[in-house]
Amino acid sequence: MTNKVAFFLPTRKGSQRVLSKNTRPFSDISGGILELKLKQLISSKLLDSIILSTNDELSIEIAKSYREQDSRVQIIERPEELCLDTTSLTDLIKYVPTITDAEHILWGHTTTPFVDGSDYDEAIESYELKLQEGFDSLISVTSFKNFLLDENAKIFNNNTSLAWPRTQDLPQLYELNHAVFLTSRAVYLNNHNRIGNKPFLYEMGKLKSVDIDWEEDFKIAEALYEKFFRL
């Protein structure tokens, strides 16, 4: 891209659902999924800056060695009021454009451990093409075609006349996988959002879409890493 793209990578101390999820050892990686993500990010060819936004001392220490390897890595200590369990996502979104002047911002997470630098580059290239088609943002998703039940055990997403349609006949739905939220800095400033009014749904496979949200997710991701990704 001719315009700069910044990667916003937030971490914080005090994780509730997965204790020390960002920095605890992950398979053979002593610095955990944060270290893995930083390795992946510095392999990107299209990112102009990589911003670690955190209040966590250990995250800062892990990132320092990568800052020495790659000048694109920036460590910005986030104010404590933006690192609380009660912090609203909107307040954090409003904060992001105050720490970068890049024209475009890719918001990603350590908790998608199988999305690497080439994946981010492919998403950026797709985003650039989709901007020319009238889209104003890109979000990564996973295809979903299965039964959803409401609290009364009724199929929530059945728009057919059949009680039990074939899964392939269910409407096409998509699940956010939290790997890529990519839009312009102007959208952040004007809409106070990390996606625009017309986002492009960027589909990714199930393995790439693994997202660590709970303790069992961490264990599953670690097992998958050791099976498919560990060198």
C-alpha atoms as a PDB file:
ATOM      1  CA  MET A   1       0.000   0.000   0.000  1.00  0.00           C
ATOM      2  CA  THR A   2       1.129   3.545  -0.618  1.00  0.00           C
ATOM      3  CA  ASN A   3      -0.395   4.583   2.708  1.00  0.00           C
ATOM      4  CA  LYS A   4       1.022   3.394   6.004  1.00  0.00           C
ATOM      5  CA  VAL A   5      -0.527   0.565   7.979  1.00  0.00           C
ATOM      6  CA  ALA A   6      -0.031   0.310  11.742  1.00  0.00           C
ATOM      7  CA  PHE A   7      -0.712  -2.883  13.685  1.00  0.00           C
ATOM      8  CA  PHE A   8      -2.348  -2.272  17.068  1.00  0.00           C
ATOM      9  CA  LEU A   9      -1.651  -5.111  19.505  1.00  0.00           C
ATOM     10  CA  PRO A  10      -3.276  -4.669  22.942  1.00  0.00           C
ATOM     11  CA  THR A  11      -2.353  -6.681  26.030  1.00  0.00           C
ATOM     12  CA  ARG A  12      -2.907  -6.005  29.704  1.00  0.00           C
ATOM     13  CA  LYS A  13      -2.203  -7.580  33.040  1.00  0.00           C
ATOM     14  CA  GLY A  14      -4.936  -9.138  35.108  1.00  0.00           C
ATOM     15  CA  SER A  15      -6.540 -11.490  32.608  1.00  0.00           C
ATOM     16  CA  GLN A  16      -9.599 -13.032  34.216  1.00  0.00           C
ATOM     17  CA  ARG A  17     -10.609 -15.988  32.060  1.00  0.00           C
ATOM     18  CA  VAL A  18      -7.141 -17.258  31.122  1.00  0.00           C
ATOM     19  CA  LEU A  19      -4.504 -16.513  33.761  1.00  0.00           C
ATOM     20  CA  SER A  20      -1.474 -14.676  32.305  1.00  0.00           C
ATOM     21  CA  LYS A  21      -2.593 -15.785  28.849  1.00  0.00           C
ATOM     22  CA  ASN A  22      -0.294 -13.439  26.911  1.00  0.00           C
ATOM     23  CA  THR A  23       2.993 -14.240  28.586  1.00  0.00           C
ATOM     24  CA  ARG A  24       2.786 -17.713  30.151  1.00  0.00           C
ATOM     25  CA  PRO A  25       4.809 -20.380  28.332  1.00  0.00           C
ATOM     26  CA  PHE A  26       3.094 -21.719  25.217  1.00  0.00           C
ATOM     27  CA  SER A  27       4.543 -25.043  24.073  1.00  0.00           C
ATOM     28  CA  ASP A  28       8.277 -24.362  23.590  1.00  0.00           C
ATOM     29  CA  ILE A  29       7.870 -20.558  23.561  1.00  0.00           C
ATOM     30  CA  SER A  30       8.877 -19.128  26.937  1.00  0.00           C
ATOM     31  CA  GLY A  31       7.371 -15.711  26.180  1.00  0.00           C
ATOM     32  CA  GLY A  32       4.018 -17.235  25.325  1.00  0.00           C
ATOM     33  CA  ILE A  33       1.576 -16.162  22.657  1.00  0.00           C
ATOM     34  CA  LEU A  34       2.846 -12.581  22.844  1.00  0.00           C
ATOM     35  CA  GLU A  35       6.316 -13.693  21.784  1.00  0.00           C
ATOM     36  CA  LEU A  36       4.805 -15.867  19.060  1.00  0.00           C
ATOM     37  CA  LYS A  37       2.708 -12.968  17.767  1.00  0.00           C
ATOM     38  CA  LEU A  38       5.675 -10.601  17.707  1.00  0.00           C
ATOM     39  CA  LYS A  39       7.679 -13.159  15.709  1.00  0.00           C
ATOM     40  CA  GLN A  40       4.817 -13.377  13.253  1.00  0.00           C
ATOM     41  CA  LEU A  41       4.401  -9.622  12.970  1.00  0.00           C
ATOM     42  CA  ILE A  42       8.025  -8.813  12.227  1.00  0.00           C
ATOM     43  CA  SER A  43       7.862 -11.272   9.326  1.00  0.00           C
ATOM     44  CA  SER A  44       5.208  -9.065   7.686  1.00  0.00           C
ATOM     45  CA  LYS A  45       6.349  -7.064   4.671  1.00  0.00           C
ATOM     46  CA  LEU A  46       3.445  -4.606   4.558  1.00  0.00           C
ATOM     47  CA  LEU A  47       3.173  -3.376   8.140  1.00  0.00           C
ATOM     48  CA  ASP A  48       4.850  -0.021   8.707  1.00  0.00           C
ATOM     49  CA  SER A  49       4.637  -0.083  12.498  1.00  0.00           C
ATOM     50  CA  ILE A  50       3.798  -2.643  15.186  1.00  0.00           C
ATOM     51  CA  ILE A  51       2.414  -1.041  18.324  1.00  0.00           C
ATOM     52  CA  LEU A  52       2.282  -3.007  21.555  1.00  0.00           C
ATOM     53  CA  SER A  53      -0.169  -1.178  23.804  1.00  0.00           C
ATOM     54  CA  THR A  54       0.030  -2.488  27.355  1.00  0.00           C
ATOM     55  CA  ASN A  55       0.295  -1.864  31.077  1.00  0.00           C
ATOM     56  CA  ASP A  56       1.972  -5.211  31.683  1.00  0.00           C
ATOM     57  CA  GLU A  57       5.638  -5.129  32.706  1.00  0.00           C
ATOM     58  CA  LEU A  58       6.350  -8.650  31.459  1.00  0.00           C
ATOM     59  CA  SER A  59       4.811  -7.882  28.062  1.00  0.00           C
ATOM     60  CA  ILE A  60       7.104  -4.870  27.833  1.00  0.00           C
ATOM     61  CA  GLU A  61      10.183  -6.946  28.676  1.00  0.00           C
ATOM     62  CA  ILE A  62       9.312  -9.562  26.063  1.00  0.00           C
ATOM     63  CA  ALA A  63       8.743  -6.895  23.409  1.00  0.00           C
ATOM     64  CA  LYS A  64      12.033  -5.099  24.065  1.00  0.00           C
ATOM     65  CA  SER A  65      14.114  -7.781  22.348  1.00  0.00           C
ATOM     66  CA  TYR A  66      11.885  -7.550  19.272  1.00  0.00           C
ATOM     67  CA  ARG A  67      12.183  -3.788  19.243  1.00  0.00           C
ATOM     68  CA  GLU A  68      15.957  -4.313  19.035  1.00  0.00           C
ATOM     69  CA  GLN A  69      15.476  -6.664  16.070  1.00  0.00           C
ATOM     70  CA  ASP A  70      12.980  -4.528  14.185  1.00  0.00           C
ATOM     71  CA  SER A  71      12.592  -0.762  14.468  1.00  0.00           C
ATOM     72  CA  ARG A  72       8.921  -1.035  13.494  1.00  0.00           C
ATOM     73  CA  VAL A  73       8.143  -2.425  16.962  1.00  0.00           C
ATOM     74  CA  GLN A  74       6.919   0.278  19.332  1.00  0.00           C
ATOM     75  CA  ILE A  75       6.058  -0.147  22.999  1.00  0.00           C
ATOM     76  CA  ILE A  76       3.484   2.316  24.293  1.00  0.00           C
ATOM     77  CA  GLU A  77       2.353   2.079  27.892  1.00  0.00           C
ATOM     78  CA  ARG A  78      -1.413   2.348  28.031  1.00  0.00           C
ATOM     79  CA  PRO A  79      -3.082   4.396  30.778  1.00  0.00           C
ATOM     80  CA  GLU A  80      -4.410   2.249  33.601  1.00  0.00           C
ATOM     81  CA  GLU A  81      -7.955   3.521  33.121  1.00  0.00           C
ATOM     82  CA  LEU A  82      -7.887   1.891  29.678  1.00  0.00           C
ATOM     83  CA  CYS A  83      -6.717  -1.462  31.060  1.00  0.00           C
ATOM     84  CA  LEU A  84      -9.548  -2.280  33.440  1.00  0.00           C
ATOM     85  CA  ASP A  85     -12.154  -5.028  33.214  1.00  0.00           C
ATOM     86  CA  THR A  86     -14.694  -2.204  33.153  1.00  0.00           C
ATOM     87  CA  THR A  87     -12.991  -0.261  30.347  1.00  0.00           C
ATOM     88  CA  SER A  88     -15.369   0.109  27.430  1.00  0.00           C
ATOM     89  CA  LEU A  89     -14.217  -0.975  23.993  1.00  0.00           C
ATOM     90  CA  THR A  90     -15.367   2.386  22.639  1.00  0.00           C
ATOM     91  CA  ASP A  91     -12.973   4.251  24.944  1.00  0.00           C
ATOM     92  CA  LEU A  92     -10.105   2.043  23.817  1.00  0.00           C
ATOM     93  CA  ILE A  93     -11.036   2.588  20.169  1.00  0.00           C
ATOM     94  CA  LYS A  94     -11.000   6.362  20.704  1.00  0.00           C
ATOM     95  CA  TYR A  95      -7.512   6.051  22.199  1.00  0.00           C
ATOM     96  CA  VAL A  96      -5.935   4.186  19.284  1.00  0.00           C
ATOM     97  CA  PRO A  97      -5.661   7.078  16.765  1.00  0.00           C
ATOM     98  CA  THR A  98      -4.000   9.216  19.428  1.00  0.00           C
ATOM     99  CA  ILE A  99      -0.915   6.975  19.404  1.00  0.00           C
ATOM    100  CA  THR A 100      -0.400   6.581  15.650  1.00  0.00           C
ATOM    101  CA  ASP A 101      -0.646   8.805  12.608  1.00  0.00           C
ATOM    102  CA  ALA A 102      -0.744   5.877  10.173  1.00  0.00           C
ATOM    103  CA  GLU A 103      -3.480   6.208   7.565  1.00  0.00           C
ATOM    104  CA  HIS A 104      -4.754   2.670   8.252  1.00  0.00           C
ATOM    105  CA  ILE A 105      -4.903   0.593  11.419  1.00  0.00           C
ATOM    106  CA  LEU A 106      -4.975  -3.187  11.682  1.00  0.00           C
ATOM    107  CA  TRP A 107      -6.197  -4.242  15.120  1.00  0.00           C
ATOM    108  CA  GLY A 108      -5.182  -7.785  16.010  1.00  0.00           C
ATOM    109  CA  HIS A 109      -4.706  -9.991  19.046  1.00  0.00           C
ATOM    110  CA  THR A 110      -2.175 -12.361  20.550  1.00  0.00           C
ATOM    111  CA  THR A 111      -5.049 -14.794  21.053  1.00  0.00           C
ATOM    112  CA  THR A 112      -5.106 -15.773  17.365  1.00  0.00           C
ATOM    113  CA  PRO A 113      -1.812 -17.684  17.488  1.00  0.00           C
ATOM    114  CA  PHE A 114      -1.921 -19.227  14.015  1.00  0.00           C
ATOM    115  CA  VAL A 115      -2.340 -16.034  12.004  1.00  0.00           C
ATOM    116  CA  ASP A 116       1.147 -15.103  10.775  1.00  0.00           C
ATOM    117  CA  GLY A 117       2.822 -12.280   8.904  1.00  0.00           C
ATOM    118  CA  SER A 118       1.882 -13.582   5.471  1.00  0.00           C
ATOM    119  CA  ASP A 119      -1.755 -13.833   6.543  1.00  0.00           C
ATOM    120  CA  TYR A 120      -1.736 -10.193   7.639  1.00  0.00           C
ATOM    121  CA  ASP A 121      -0.080  -9.181   4.374  1.00  0.00           C
ATOM    122  CA  GLU A 122      -2.725 -11.036   2.364  1.00  0.00           C
ATOM    123  CA  ALA A 123      -5.470  -9.310   4.356  1.00  0.00           C
ATOM    124  CA  ILE A 124      -3.880  -5.906   3.725  1.00  0.00           C
ATOM    125  CA  GLU A 125      -3.658  -6.619  -0.006  1.00  0.00           C
ATOM    126  CA  SER A 126      -7.300  -7.682  -0.053  1.00  0.00           C
ATOM    127  CA  TYR A 127      -8.267  -4.560   1.897  1.00  0.00           C
ATOM    128  CA  GLU A 128      -6.523  -2.351  -0.640  1.00  0.00           C
ATOM    129  CA  LEU A 129      -8.469  -3.968  -3.476  1.00  0.00           C
ATOM    130  CA  LYS A 130     -11.761  -3.782  -1.625  1.00  0.00           C
ATOM    131  CA  LEU A 131     -11.311  -0.077  -0.929  1.00  0.00           C
ATOM    132  CA  GLN A 132     -11.387   0.423  -4.691  1.00  0.00           C
ATOM    133  CA  GLU A 133     -14.707  -1.474  -4.786  1.00  0.00           C
ATOM    134  CA  GLY A 134     -16.368   0.824  -2.251  1.00  0.00           C
ATOM    135  CA  PHE A 135     -15.753  -1.044   0.979  1.00  0.00           C
ATOM    136  CA  ASP A 136     -14.319   0.991   3.867  1.00  0.00           C
ATOM    137  CA  SER A 137     -12.994  -1.750   6.143  1.00  0.00           C
ATOM    138  CA  LEU A 138     -12.157  -5.440   6.402  1.00  0.00           C
ATOM    139  CA  ILE A 139     -12.950  -7.892   9.183  1.00  0.00           C
ATOM    140  CA  SER A 140     -11.871 -11.509   9.345  1.00  0.00           C
ATOM    141  CA  VAL A 141     -14.554 -14.153   9.733  1.00  0.00           C
ATOM    142  CA  THR A 142     -15.146 -17.888   9.702  1.00  0.00           C
ATOM    143  CA  SER A 143     -17.959 -19.442   7.703  1.00  0.00           C
ATOM    144  CA  PHE A 144     -20.748 -20.850   9.874  1.00  0.00           C
ATOM    145  CA  LYS A 145     -23.433 -23.262   8.667  1.00  0.00           C
ATOM    146  CA  ASN A 146     -24.891 -25.205  11.540  1.00  0.00           C
ATOM    147  CA  PHE A 147     -27.935 -25.211  13.783  1.00  0.00           C
ATOM    148  CA  LEU A 148     -28.372 -22.460  16.350  1.00  0.00           C
ATOM    149  CA  LEU A 149     -30.935 -23.083  19.074  1.00  0.00           C
ATOM    150  CA  ASP A 150     -32.733 -20.472  21.137  1.00  0.00           C
ATOM    151  CA  GLU A 151     -33.569 -20.889  24.828  1.00  0.00           C
ATOM    152  CA  ASN A 152     -36.663 -22.881  23.887  1.00  0.00           C
ATOM    153  CA  ALA A 153     -34.586 -25.341  21.836  1.00  0.00           C
ATOM    154  CA  LYS A 154     -36.047 -24.030  18.578  1.00  0.00           C
ATOM    155  CA  ILE A 155     -33.782 -23.680  15.581  1.00  0.00           C
ATOM    156  CA  PHE A 156     -32.958 -19.992  15.533  1.00  0.00           C
ATOM    157  CA  ASN A 157     -31.538 -19.775  12.024  1.00  0.00           C
ATOM    158  CA  ASN A 158     -33.985 -21.933  10.052  1.00  0.00           C
ATOM    159  CA  ASN A 159     -35.625 -19.964   7.246  1.00  0.00           C
ATOM    160  CA  THR A 160     -36.983 -23.023   5.455  1.00  0.00           C
ATOM    161  CA  SER A 161     -40.312 -24.818   5.812  1.00  0.00           C
ATOM    162  CA  LEU A 162     -38.600 -27.954   7.088  1.00  0.00           C
ATOM    163  CA  ALA A 163     -38.307 -28.826  10.760  1.00  0.00           C
ATOM    164  CA  TRP A 164     -34.770 -30.130  10.217  1.00  0.00           C
ATOM    165  CA  PRO A 165     -33.306 -28.836   6.949  1.00  0.00           C
ATOM    166  CA  ARG A 166     -29.937 -30.007   5.687  1.00  0.00           C
ATOM    167  CA  THR A 167     -27.127 -27.928   7.150  1.00  0.00           C
ATOM    168  CA  GLN A 168     -26.099 -26.898   3.633  1.00  0.00           C
ATOM    169  CA  ASP A 169     -29.577 -25.376   3.200  1.00  0.00           C
ATOM    170  CA  LEU A 170     -29.269 -23.172   6.263  1.00  0.00           C
ATOM    171  CA  PRO A 171     -28.514 -19.473   5.641  1.00  0.00           C
ATOM    172  CA  GLN A 172     -24.869 -18.552   5.314  1.00  0.00           C
ATOM    173  CA  LEU A 173     -23.640 -16.959   8.529  1.00  0.00           C
ATOM    174  CA  TYR A 174     -20.203 -15.749   9.581  1.00  0.00           C
ATOM    175  CA  GLU A 175     -18.475 -15.722  12.934  1.00  0.00           C
ATOM    176  CA  LEU A 176     -15.962 -13.040  13.846  1.00  0.00           C
ATOM    177  CA  ASN A 177     -12.622 -14.689  14.553  1.00  0.00           C
ATOM    178  CA  HIS A 178     -10.956 -11.560  16.026  1.00  0.00           C
ATOM    179  CA  ALA A 179      -7.845 -11.930  13.865  1.00  0.00           C
ATOM    180  CA  VAL A 180      -8.147  -8.790  11.709  1.00  0.00           C
ATOM    181  CA  PHE A 181     -10.017  -5.510  12.098  1.00  0.00           C
ATOM    182  CA  LEU A 182      -8.659  -3.233   9.386  1.00  0.00           C
ATOM    183  CA  THR A 183      -9.853   0.249   8.500  1.00  0.00           C
ATOM    184  CA  SER A 184      -8.662   3.817   8.117  1.00  0.00           C
ATOM    185  CA  ARG A 185      -7.637   6.120  10.907  1.00  0.00           C
ATOM    186  CA  ALA A 186     -10.420   8.418   9.675  1.00  0.00           C
ATOM    187  CA  VAL A 187     -13.027   5.787  10.595  1.00  0.00           C
ATOM    188  CA  TYR A 188     -11.584   5.622  14.106  1.00  0.00           C
ATOM    189  CA  LEU A 189     -11.766   9.396  14.425  1.00  0.00           C
ATOM    190  CA  ASN A 190     -15.154   9.950  12.804  1.00  0.00           C
ATOM    191  CA  ASN A 191     -17.092   6.804  13.692  1.00  0.00           C
ATOM    192  CA  HIS A 192     -15.338   5.808  16.931  1.00  0.00           C
ATOM    193  CA  ASN A 193     -15.237   2.290  15.596  1.00  0.00           C
ATOM    194  CA  ARG A 194     -12.659  -0.192  14.333  1.00  0.00           C
ATOM    195  CA  ILE A 195     -14.834  -1.137  11.351  1.00  0.00           C
ATOM    196  CA  GLY A 196     -16.563   1.143   8.913  1.00  0.00           C
ATOM    197  CA  ASN A 197     -20.077   1.349   7.525  1.00  0.00           C
ATOM    198  CA  LYS A 198     -19.375  -1.109   4.712  1.00  0.00           C
ATOM    199  CA  PRO A 199     -16.973  -3.820   5.905  1.00  0.00           C
ATOM    200  CA  PHE A 200     -15.718  -6.596   3.669  1.00  0.00           C
ATOM    201  CA  LEU A 201     -16.008 -10.042   5.249  1.00  0.00           C
ATOM    202  CA  TYR A 202     -12.606 -11.672   4.845  1.00  0.00           C
ATOM    203  CA  GLU A 203     -13.065 -15.399   5.260  1.00  0.00           C
ATOM    204  CA  MET A 204     -10.385 -17.484   6.960  1.00  0.00           C
ATOM    205  CA  GLY A 205     -10.178 -21.222   7.589  1.00  0.00           C
ATOM    206  CA  LYS A 206     -10.989 -22.849  10.901  1.00  0.00           C
ATOM    207  CA  LEU A 207      -7.396 -23.584  11.886  1.00  0.00           C
ATOM    208  CA  LYS A 208      -6.270 -20.014  11.277  1.00  0.00           C
ATOM    209  CA  SER A 209      -9.377 -18.816  13.129  1.00  0.00           C
ATOM    210  CA  VAL A 210      -8.564 -20.508  16.427  1.00  0.00           C
ATOM    211  CA  ASP A 211      -9.105 -17.890  19.137  1.00  0.00           C
ATOM    212  CA  ILE A 212      -8.045 -18.269  22.763  1.00  0.00           C
ATOM    213  CA  ASP A 213     -10.843 -17.018  24.992  1.00  0.00           C
ATOM    214  CA  TRP A 214     -10.966 -19.616  27.768  1.00  0.00           C
ATOM    215  CA  GLU A 215      -8.494 -21.886  29.537  1.00  0.00           C
ATOM    216  CA  GLU A 216      -9.517 -24.912  27.460  1.00  0.00           C
ATOM    217  CA  ASP A 217      -8.951 -22.840  24.307  1.00  0.00           C
ATOM    218  CA  PHE A 218      -5.373 -22.244  25.444  1.00  0.00           C
ATOM    219  CA  LYS A 219      -4.794 -25.980  25.873  1.00  0.00           C
ATOM    220  CA  ILE A 220      -6.379 -26.808  22.526  1.00  0.00           C
ATOM    221  CA  ALA A 221      -4.316 -24.133  20.760  1.00  0.00           C
ATOM    222  CA  GLU A 222      -1.142 -25.410  22.393  1.00  0.00           C
ATOM    223  CA  ALA A 223      -1.882 -28.963  21.232  1.00  0.00           C
ATOM    224  CA  LEU A 224      -2.597 -27.746  17.688  1.00  0.00           C
ATOM    225  CA  TYR A 225       0.596 -25.711  17.664  1.00  0.00           C
ATOM    226  CA  GLU A 226       2.666 -28.716  18.709  1.00  0.00           C
ATOM    227  CA  LYS A 227       0.986 -30.887  16.061  1.00  0.00           C
ATOM    228  CA  PHE A 228       0.959 -28.529  13.068  1.00  0.00           C
ATOM    229  CA  PHE A 229       3.154 -25.484  13.649  1.00  0.00           C
ATOM    230  CA  ARG A 230       6.064 -26.258  15.948  1.00  0.00           C
ATOM    231  CA  LEU A 231       9.332 -26.423  14.033  1.00  0.00           C
END
